């Protein structure tokens, strides 16, 4: 990736049973990991993103989805 800097959006949840933080990057299939702390999770996310990108060519990287936003949706049940 020759000095290129890319930004990714990670979705983070805290698992109520284990207390672990779980992170995933929706635009990169397979990019998900977990850690005990948010700082630990950030480091692991960088690792998993790097690994995913190493498996892709420049054409695949150029066509990755671009983050557009997050919204909350209310549903009555």
C-alpha atoms as a PDB file:
ATOM      1  CA  UNK A   1       0.000   0.000   0.000  1.00  0.00           C
ATOM      2  CA  UNK A   2       2.958   2.295  -0.483  1.00  0.00           C
ATOM      3  CA  UNK A   3       2.422   4.953   2.204  1.00  0.00           C
ATOM      4  CA  UNK A   4      -1.332   5.254   1.653  1.00  0.00           C
ATOM      5  CA  UNK A   5      -3.474   6.158   4.675  1.00  0.00           C
ATOM      6  CA  UNK A   6      -7.019   4.835   4.816  1.00  0.00           C
ATOM      7  CA  UNK A   7      -9.750   5.492   7.386  1.00  0.00           C
ATOM      8  CA  UNK A   8     -12.249   2.864   8.472  1.00  0.00           C
ATOM      9  CA  UNK A   9     -15.283   3.005  10.726  1.00  0.00           C
ATOM     10  CA  UNK A  10     -15.522   0.300  13.377  1.00  0.00           C
ATOM     11  CA  UNK A  11     -18.729  -0.746  15.090  1.00  0.00           C
ATOM     12  CA  UNK A  12     -18.117  -1.497  18.783  1.00  0.00           C
ATOM     13  CA  UNK A  13     -20.346  -3.288  21.271  1.00  0.00           C
ATOM     14  CA  UNK A  14     -19.791  -4.486  24.818  1.00  0.00           C
ATOM     15  CA  UNK A  15     -20.874  -8.079  25.345  1.00  0.00           C
ATOM     16  CA  UNK A  16     -22.966  -8.174  28.545  1.00  0.00           C
ATOM     17  CA  UNK A  17     -22.086 -11.790  29.341  1.00  0.00           C
ATOM     18  CA  UNK A  18     -18.307 -11.664  28.956  1.00  0.00           C
ATOM     19  CA  UNK A  19     -17.737  -7.929  29.485  1.00  0.00           C
ATOM     20  CA  UNK A  20     -15.523  -7.952  26.379  1.00  0.00           C
ATOM     21  CA  UNK A  21     -15.552  -5.227  23.753  1.00  0.00           C
ATOM     22  CA  UNK A  22     -16.316  -6.568  20.277  1.00  0.00           C
ATOM     23  CA  UNK A  23     -15.402  -4.557  17.198  1.00  0.00           C
ATOM     24  CA  UNK A  24     -16.152  -5.046  13.526  1.00  0.00           C
ATOM     25  CA  UNK A  25     -15.476  -3.057  10.380  1.00  0.00           C
ATOM     26  CA  UNK A  26     -18.561  -3.383   8.129  1.00  0.00           C
ATOM     27  CA  UNK A  27     -16.715  -2.371   4.956  1.00  0.00           C
ATOM     28  CA  UNK A  28     -14.142  -5.174   5.346  1.00  0.00           C
ATOM     29  CA  UNK A  29     -15.506  -8.722   5.360  1.00  0.00           C
ATOM     30  CA  UNK A  30     -13.810 -10.725   8.109  1.00  0.00           C
ATOM     31  CA  UNK A  31     -12.573  -7.673  10.013  1.00  0.00           C
ATOM     32  CA  UNK A  32     -13.759  -8.319  13.548  1.00  0.00           C
ATOM     33  CA  UNK A  33     -12.042  -8.874  16.870  1.00  0.00           C
ATOM     34  CA  UNK A  34     -12.484  -8.487  20.638  1.00  0.00           C
ATOM     35  CA  UNK A  35     -10.563  -7.267  23.696  1.00  0.00           C
ATOM     36  CA  UNK A  36     -10.986  -6.534  27.394  1.00  0.00           C
ATOM     37  CA  UNK A  37     -10.462  -2.765  26.976  1.00  0.00           C
ATOM     38  CA  UNK A  38     -11.253  -0.147  24.360  1.00  0.00           C
ATOM     39  CA  UNK A  39      -7.544   0.649  23.981  1.00  0.00           C
ATOM     40  CA  UNK A  40      -6.802  -3.027  23.456  1.00  0.00           C
ATOM     41  CA  UNK A  41      -9.624  -3.278  20.949  1.00  0.00           C
ATOM     42  CA  UNK A  42      -8.299  -0.314  18.945  1.00  0.00           C
ATOM     43  CA  UNK A  43      -4.901  -1.993  18.617  1.00  0.00           C
ATOM     44  CA  UNK A  44      -6.461  -5.287  17.575  1.00  0.00           C
ATOM     45  CA  UNK A  45      -8.679  -3.529  15.024  1.00  0.00           C
ATOM     46  CA  UNK A  46      -5.602  -1.943  13.429  1.00  0.00           C
ATOM     47  CA  UNK A  47      -4.026  -5.408  13.207  1.00  0.00           C
ATOM     48  CA  UNK A  48      -7.060  -7.090  11.666  1.00  0.00           C
ATOM     49  CA  UNK A  49      -7.633  -4.245   9.179  1.00  0.00           C
ATOM     50  CA  UNK A  50      -3.988  -4.427   8.123  1.00  0.00           C
ATOM     51  CA  UNK A  51      -4.244  -8.194   7.632  1.00  0.00           C
ATOM     52  CA  UNK A  52      -7.414  -7.844   5.554  1.00  0.00           C
ATOM     53  CA  UNK A  53      -5.860  -5.150   3.361  1.00  0.00           C
ATOM     54  CA  UNK A  54      -2.733  -7.241   2.776  1.00  0.00           C
ATOM     55  CA  UNK A  55      -4.952  -9.843   1.117  1.00  0.00           C
ATOM     56  CA  UNK A  56      -6.498  -7.295  -1.268  1.00  0.00           C
ATOM     57  CA  UNK A  57      -5.123  -5.722  -4.435  1.00  0.00           C
ATOM     58  CA  UNK A  58      -5.325  -1.984  -5.188  1.00  0.00           C
ATOM     59  CA  UNK A  59      -8.450  -2.449  -7.317  1.00  0.00           C
ATOM     60  CA  UNK A  60     -10.303  -4.159  -4.469  1.00  0.00           C
ATOM     61  CA  UNK A  61      -9.203  -1.503  -2.002  1.00  0.00           C
ATOM     62  CA  UNK A  62     -10.372   1.263  -4.361  1.00  0.00           C
ATOM     63  CA  UNK A  63     -13.889  -0.221  -4.467  1.00  0.00           C
ATOM     64  CA  UNK A  64     -14.412  -0.613  -0.704  1.00  0.00           C
ATOM     65  CA  UNK A  65     -17.632   0.992   0.571  1.00  0.00           C
ATOM     66  CA  UNK A  66     -17.327   4.487   2.044  1.00  0.00           C
ATOM     67  CA  UNK A  67     -18.863   5.201   5.459  1.00  0.00           C
ATOM     68  CA  UNK A  68     -21.972   7.356   5.068  1.00  0.00           C
ATOM     69  CA  UNK A  69     -23.387   7.571   8.571  1.00  0.00           C
ATOM     70  CA  UNK A  70     -25.268   5.926  11.415  1.00  0.00           C
ATOM     71  CA  UNK A  71     -28.904   6.296  12.370  1.00  0.00           C
ATOM     72  CA  UNK A  72     -31.092   4.910  15.100  1.00  0.00           C
ATOM     73  CA  UNK A  73     -34.402   3.398  14.092  1.00  0.00           C
ATOM     74  CA  UNK A  74     -37.259   3.123  16.565  1.00  0.00           C
ATOM     75  CA  UNK A  75     -39.544   0.109  16.175  1.00  0.00           C
ATOM     76  CA  UNK A  76     -42.622  -0.628  18.277  1.00  0.00           C
ATOM     77  CA  UNK A  77     -42.960  -4.271  19.322  1.00  0.00           C
END
